[in-house]
Amino acid sequence: MDYRKSKAPTNTVTRNIVDLGAETGNIYESVSIIAKRANQISTEIKQDLSKKLAEFASYNDSLEEVFENREQIEISRYYEKLPKPTLLATQEFVDHEVYYRDPSVQPANNQEEL
C-alpha cells in the first residue's frame, strides 16, 4: 500500500459512532475490524522502515560512536509525519476498502438442494 496517496488525516478526527457501526450492524465489530487492519498496517510500515534503515546501518565495535546520517534522519522524519495506522485503517473502513468476513455466517450455497 502506498501510504503517501492515502486520504487519511494526519491528526485525530471525530467520527460518528452510528456511521461506523452501520456497515456491520455492531460498533464493537467495526472497531475490532479497524483494530486488526491497523495492526496489519503498523507491521507493514515497521518492516518498510526497518528495510530502509538497514541500508544505512554501520556496524562498529565501539558503542560510544554514534553516527548521524542525514538520509537516515530524513527517512525517520518522513515516517513520523505519516498518518497513524489507526487513522489509515479507519479511513479504509469508511471508504469500504477493507475486506472482512464473519466466520459465524455460512456462505450462500449456489447449488439447489435435492
N, C-alpha and C. Protein backbone atom coordinates (compact mmCIF):
# COMPACT_ATOMS: atom_id res chain seq x y z
N MET A 1 0.84 -1.18 0.00
CA MET A 1 0.00 0.00 0.00
C MET A 1 0.88 1.24 0.00
N ASP A 2 0.47 2.22 -0.76
CA ASP A 2 1.21 3.46 -0.80
C ASP A 2 0.58 4.43 0.18
N TYR A 3 1.26 4.67 1.29
CA TYR A 3 0.71 5.49 2.36
C TYR A 3 0.72 6.97 2.02
N ARG A 4 1.54 7.37 1.07
CA ARG A 4 1.59 8.78 0.67
C ARG A 4 0.32 9.21 -0.04
N LYS A 5 -0.32 8.27 -0.73
CA LYS A 5 -1.53 8.59 -1.50
C LYS A 5 -2.80 8.43 -0.69
N SER A 6 -2.68 8.09 0.55
CA SER A 6 -3.84 7.90 1.40
C SER A 6 -4.53 9.23 1.68
N LYS A 7 -5.86 9.16 1.78
CA LYS A 7 -6.63 10.36 2.10
C LYS A 7 -6.83 10.50 3.61
N ALA A 8 -6.18 9.67 4.37
CA ALA A 8 -6.36 9.69 5.83
C ALA A 8 -5.78 10.97 6.42
N PRO A 9 -6.46 11.53 7.40
CA PRO A 9 -5.94 12.74 8.06
C PRO A 9 -4.72 12.40 8.92
N THR A 10 -3.89 13.39 9.15
CA THR A 10 -2.70 13.16 9.97
C THR A 10 -2.95 13.42 11.45
N ASN A 11 -4.13 13.95 11.77
CA ASN A 11 -4.45 14.18 13.17
C ASN A 11 -5.82 13.56 13.48
N THR A 12 -6.21 13.58 14.70
CA THR A 12 -7.43 12.92 15.15
C THR A 12 -8.67 13.60 14.57
N VAL A 13 -9.61 12.75 14.14
CA VAL A 13 -10.87 13.23 13.58
C VAL A 13 -12.00 12.59 14.36
N THR A 14 -12.99 13.38 14.72
CA THR A 14 -14.16 12.86 15.42
C THR A 14 -15.06 12.18 14.40
N ARG A 15 -15.43 10.94 14.70
CA ARG A 15 -16.28 10.16 13.80
C ARG A 15 -17.63 9.92 14.45
N ASN A 16 -18.65 9.79 13.63
CA ASN A 16 -19.98 9.46 14.13
C ASN A 16 -20.02 7.96 14.38
N ILE A 17 -20.27 7.58 15.61
CA ILE A 17 -20.24 6.18 16.01
C ILE A 17 -21.32 5.35 15.31
N VAL A 18 -22.43 5.99 14.99
CA VAL A 18 -23.52 5.29 14.30
C VAL A 18 -23.10 4.95 12.88
N ASP A 19 -22.40 5.87 12.22
CA ASP A 19 -21.93 5.61 10.86
C ASP A 19 -20.91 4.48 10.81
N LEU A 20 -20.02 4.42 11.81
CA LEU A 20 -19.03 3.34 11.83
C LEU A 20 -19.67 1.98 12.04
N GLY A 21 -20.71 1.93 12.84
CA GLY A 21 -21.36 0.66 13.13
C GLY A 21 -22.41 0.26 12.11
N ALA A 22 -22.74 1.14 11.19
CA ALA A 22 -23.81 0.86 10.23
C ALA A 22 -23.47 -0.30 9.29
N GLU A 23 -22.23 -0.39 8.86
CA GLU A 23 -21.87 -1.42 7.87
C GLU A 23 -21.95 -2.83 8.46
N THR A 24 -21.51 -3.00 9.68
CA THR A 24 -21.50 -4.33 10.30
C THR A 24 -22.72 -4.56 11.17
N GLY A 25 -23.39 -3.50 11.57
CA GLY A 25 -24.53 -3.63 12.46
C GLY A 25 -24.13 -3.65 13.93
N ASN A 26 -22.84 -3.54 14.19
CA ASN A 26 -22.34 -3.60 15.56
C ASN A 26 -21.08 -2.74 15.65
N ILE A 27 -21.09 -1.73 16.50
CA ILE A 27 -19.95 -0.83 16.61
C ILE A 27 -18.70 -1.56 17.10
N TYR A 28 -18.89 -2.54 17.98
CA TYR A 28 -17.74 -3.27 18.52
C TYR A 28 -17.08 -4.13 17.45
N GLU A 29 -17.88 -4.68 16.57
CA GLU A 29 -17.33 -5.47 15.46
C GLU A 29 -16.57 -4.56 14.50
N SER A 30 -17.10 -3.38 14.24
CA SER A 30 -16.43 -2.42 13.37
C SER A 30 -15.09 -1.99 13.96
N VAL A 31 -15.08 -1.71 15.25
CA VAL A 31 -13.84 -1.31 15.92
C VAL A 31 -12.82 -2.46 15.90
N SER A 32 -13.30 -3.67 16.06
CA SER A 32 -12.41 -4.83 16.02
C SER A 32 -11.78 -4.98 14.63
N ILE A 33 -12.57 -4.79 13.59
CA ILE A 33 -12.07 -4.87 12.22
C ILE A 33 -11.03 -3.79 11.98
N ILE A 34 -11.32 -2.57 12.42
CA ILE A 34 -10.38 -1.45 12.24
C ILE A 34 -9.09 -1.72 13.01
N ALA A 35 -9.19 -2.26 14.22
CA ALA A 35 -8.00 -2.54 15.03
C ALA A 35 -7.12 -3.60 14.38
N LYS A 36 -7.75 -4.64 13.85
CA LYS A 36 -6.96 -5.70 13.19
C LYS A 36 -6.27 -5.16 11.94
N ARG A 37 -6.96 -4.33 11.19
CA ARG A 37 -6.35 -3.74 10.00
C ARG A 37 -5.24 -2.77 10.39
N ALA A 38 -5.41 -2.03 11.48
CA ALA A 38 -4.37 -1.11 11.95
C ALA A 38 -3.11 -1.88 12.34
N ASN A 39 -3.28 -3.05 12.95
CA ASN A 39 -2.12 -3.89 13.29
C ASN A 39 -1.40 -4.35 12.03
N GLN A 40 -2.14 -4.71 10.99
CA GLN A 40 -1.52 -5.11 9.73
C GLN A 40 -0.74 -3.95 9.11
N ILE A 41 -1.35 -2.77 9.10
CA ILE A 41 -0.69 -1.60 8.53
C ILE A 41 0.55 -1.25 9.32
N SER A 42 0.46 -1.31 10.65
CA SER A 42 1.61 -1.00 11.51
C SER A 42 2.77 -1.94 11.22
N THR A 43 2.47 -3.21 11.05
CA THR A 43 3.51 -4.19 10.74
C THR A 43 4.16 -3.89 9.39
N GLU A 44 3.34 -3.54 8.39
CA GLU A 44 3.87 -3.21 7.06
C GLU A 44 4.78 -1.99 7.12
N ILE A 45 4.35 -0.96 7.83
CA ILE A 45 5.15 0.26 7.94
C ILE A 45 6.46 -0.02 8.67
N LYS A 46 6.39 -0.81 9.73
CA LYS A 46 7.60 -1.12 10.51
C LYS A 46 8.59 -1.91 9.67
N GLN A 47 8.11 -2.88 8.90
CA GLN A 47 9.00 -3.65 8.04
C GLN A 47 9.63 -2.77 6.97
N ASP A 48 8.83 -1.90 6.39
CA ASP A 48 9.33 -1.00 5.36
C ASP A 48 10.40 -0.06 5.92
N LEU A 49 10.13 0.51 7.09
CA LEU A 49 11.09 1.41 7.73
C LEU A 49 12.38 0.67 8.10
N SER A 50 12.25 -0.51 8.65
CA SER A 50 13.43 -1.30 9.03
C SER A 50 14.29 -1.64 7.82
N LYS A 51 13.62 -1.96 6.72
CA LYS A 51 14.35 -2.30 5.50
C LYS A 51 15.11 -1.09 4.98
N LYS A 52 14.49 0.10 5.02
CA LYS A 52 15.15 1.30 4.53
C LYS A 52 16.28 1.73 5.45
N LEU A 53 16.09 1.59 6.77
CA LEU A 53 17.14 1.99 7.71
C LEU A 53 18.30 1.01 7.73
N ALA A 54 18.04 -0.24 7.35
CA ALA A 54 19.11 -1.24 7.31
C ALA A 54 20.16 -0.91 6.25
N GLU A 55 19.76 -0.16 5.24
CA GLU A 55 20.71 0.25 4.21
C GLU A 55 21.79 1.18 4.76
N PHE A 56 21.46 1.91 5.83
CA PHE A 56 22.39 2.87 6.40
C PHE A 56 23.11 2.33 7.64
N ALA A 57 22.84 1.08 7.97
CA ALA A 57 23.42 0.52 9.20
C ALA A 57 24.93 0.40 9.04
N SER A 58 25.64 0.84 10.05
CA SER A 58 27.10 0.68 10.09
C SER A 58 27.43 -0.06 11.38
N TYR A 59 28.15 -1.11 11.23
CA TYR A 59 28.47 -1.97 12.37
C TYR A 59 29.85 -1.60 12.89
N ASN A 60 29.89 -1.08 14.11
CA ASN A 60 31.13 -0.67 14.76
C ASN A 60 31.31 -1.46 16.04
N ASP A 61 32.56 -1.65 16.41
CA ASP A 61 32.85 -2.34 17.66
C ASP A 61 32.66 -1.42 18.87
N SER A 62 32.77 -0.16 18.66
CA SER A 62 32.66 0.80 19.74
C SER A 62 31.21 1.25 19.90
N LEU A 63 30.69 1.12 21.09
CA LEU A 63 29.33 1.55 21.36
C LEU A 63 29.24 3.05 21.59
N GLU A 64 30.36 3.67 21.81
CA GLU A 64 30.38 5.10 22.11
C GLU A 64 30.19 5.95 20.86
N GLU A 65 30.55 5.40 19.71
CA GLU A 65 30.46 6.17 18.49
C GLU A 65 29.05 6.08 17.92
N VAL A 66 28.46 7.23 17.71
CA VAL A 66 27.14 7.29 17.11
C VAL A 66 27.24 8.18 15.88
N PHE A 67 26.90 7.61 14.74
CA PHE A 67 26.96 8.36 13.51
C PHE A 67 25.55 8.80 13.14
N GLU A 68 25.40 10.09 12.89
CA GLU A 68 24.11 10.61 12.46
C GLU A 68 24.17 10.81 10.95
N ASN A 69 23.39 10.04 10.27
CA ASN A 69 23.34 10.10 8.84
C ASN A 69 22.14 10.96 8.43
N ARG A 70 22.37 11.94 7.59
CA ARG A 70 21.30 12.86 7.19
C ARG A 70 20.16 12.13 6.48
N GLU A 71 20.47 11.19 5.60
CA GLU A 71 19.43 10.46 4.89
C GLU A 71 18.59 9.62 5.86
N GLN A 72 19.24 9.05 6.83
CA GLN A 72 18.55 8.23 7.84
C GLN A 72 17.59 9.10 8.66
N ILE A 73 18.01 10.29 8.99
CA ILE A 73 17.17 11.21 9.75
C ILE A 73 15.97 11.64 8.90
N GLU A 74 16.19 11.90 7.62
CA GLU A 74 15.10 12.30 6.74
C GLU A 74 14.07 11.19 6.57
N ILE A 75 14.52 9.96 6.47
CA ILE A 75 13.61 8.82 6.36
C ILE A 75 12.78 8.69 7.63
N SER A 76 13.43 8.84 8.76
CA SER A 76 12.72 8.75 10.04
C SER A 76 11.68 9.85 10.16
N ARG A 77 12.03 11.06 9.75
CA ARG A 77 11.08 12.18 9.81
C ARG A 77 9.89 11.94 8.88
N TYR A 78 10.16 11.37 7.71
CA TYR A 78 9.07 11.07 6.78
C TYR A 78 8.06 10.11 7.41
N TYR A 79 8.56 9.05 8.05
CA TYR A 79 7.67 8.07 8.66
C TYR A 79 6.96 8.63 9.89
N GLU A 80 7.57 9.58 10.58
CA GLU A 80 6.91 10.22 11.71
C GLU A 80 5.74 11.09 11.26
N LYS A 81 5.83 11.65 10.06
CA LYS A 81 4.77 12.53 9.55
C LYS A 81 3.61 11.76 8.92
N LEU A 82 3.78 10.48 8.68
CA LEU A 82 2.70 9.68 8.10
C LEU A 82 1.52 9.61 9.07
N PRO A 83 0.30 9.44 8.55
CA PRO A 83 -0.84 9.23 9.45
C PRO A 83 -0.64 7.95 10.25
N LYS A 84 -1.16 7.94 11.45
CA LYS A 84 -1.03 6.76 12.31
C LYS A 84 -1.82 5.59 11.70
N PRO A 85 -1.40 4.35 11.98
CA PRO A 85 -2.08 3.19 11.41
C PRO A 85 -3.57 3.13 11.72
N THR A 86 -3.97 3.59 12.90
CA THR A 86 -5.40 3.57 13.22
C THR A 86 -6.18 4.53 12.33
N LEU A 87 -5.59 5.68 12.02
CA LEU A 87 -6.25 6.63 11.13
C LEU A 87 -6.33 6.08 9.71
N LEU A 88 -5.26 5.42 9.26
CA LEU A 88 -5.28 4.81 7.94
C LEU A 88 -6.33 3.70 7.86
N ALA A 89 -6.39 2.86 8.89
CA ALA A 89 -7.35 1.75 8.90
C ALA A 89 -8.79 2.27 8.96
N THR A 90 -9.02 3.30 9.74
CA THR A 90 -10.36 3.87 9.83
C THR A 90 -10.79 4.46 8.50
N GLN A 91 -9.88 5.15 7.83
CA GLN A 91 -10.21 5.73 6.53
C GLN A 91 -10.51 4.64 5.51
N GLU A 92 -9.74 3.56 5.54
CA GLU A 92 -10.00 2.43 4.64
C GLU A 92 -11.37 1.82 4.93
N PHE A 93 -11.72 1.69 6.20
CA PHE A 93 -13.01 1.12 6.58
C PHE A 93 -14.15 2.02 6.11
N VAL A 94 -14.02 3.32 6.30
CA VAL A 94 -15.05 4.26 5.90
C VAL A 94 -15.22 4.27 4.37
N ASP A 95 -14.10 4.09 3.65
CA ASP A 95 -14.13 4.09 2.18
C ASP A 95 -14.48 2.71 1.60
N HIS A 96 -14.81 1.75 2.46
CA HIS A 96 -15.17 0.38 2.06
C HIS A 96 -14.03 -0.31 1.31
N GLU A 97 -12.80 -0.11 1.75
CA GLU A 97 -11.63 -0.73 1.12
C GLU A 97 -11.10 -1.90 1.94
N VAL A 98 -11.75 -2.24 3.04
CA VAL A 98 -11.30 -3.32 3.90
C VAL A 98 -12.19 -4.54 3.65
N TYR A 99 -11.55 -5.66 3.35
CA TYR A 99 -12.29 -6.91 3.19
C TYR A 99 -12.32 -7.61 4.54
N TYR A 100 -13.49 -8.01 4.95
CA TYR A 100 -13.64 -8.78 6.18
C TYR A 100 -14.78 -9.75 5.99
N ARG A 101 -14.77 -10.79 6.80
CA ARG A 101 -15.87 -11.76 6.76
C ARG A 101 -16.15 -12.24 8.16
N ASP A 102 -17.38 -12.65 8.38
CA ASP A 102 -17.79 -13.16 9.68
C ASP A 102 -17.77 -14.69 9.60
N PRO A 103 -16.89 -15.35 10.36
CA PRO A 103 -16.81 -16.81 10.27
C PRO A 103 -18.06 -17.52 10.79
N SER A 104 -18.89 -16.84 11.57
CA SER A 104 -20.09 -17.49 12.07
C SER A 104 -21.21 -17.53 11.02
N VAL A 105 -21.08 -16.73 9.98
CA VAL A 105 -22.08 -16.72 8.91
C VAL A 105 -21.61 -17.64 7.79
N GLN A 106 -22.44 -18.60 7.45
CA GLN A 106 -22.11 -19.54 6.39
C GLN A 106 -22.30 -18.87 5.04
N PRO A 107 -21.38 -19.12 4.09
CA PRO A 107 -21.56 -18.54 2.76
C PRO A 107 -22.76 -19.15 2.06
N ALA A 108 -23.39 -18.39 1.21
CA ALA A 108 -24.56 -18.86 0.49
C ALA A 108 -24.13 -19.94 -0.51
N ASN A 109 -24.86 -21.03 -0.53
CA ASN A 109 -24.57 -22.13 -1.42
C ASN A 109 -25.36 -21.93 -2.71
N ASN A 110 -24.69 -21.91 -3.84
CA ASN A 110 -25.34 -21.64 -5.10
C ASN A 110 -26.04 -22.87 -5.68
N GLN A 111 -25.86 -24.03 -5.07
CA GLN A 111 -26.48 -25.26 -5.57
C GLN A 111 -27.82 -25.49 -4.90
N GLU A 112 -28.74 -25.99 -5.66
CA GLU A 112 -30.05 -26.31 -5.10
C GLU A 112 -29.98 -27.64 -4.37
N GLU A 113 -30.73 -27.73 -3.30
CA GLU A 113 -30.79 -28.99 -2.55
C GLU A 113 -31.67 -29.97 -3.30
N LEU A 114 -31.27 -31.23 -3.29
CA LEU A 114 -32.05 -32.25 -3.97
C LEU A 114 -32.99 -32.93 -3.02
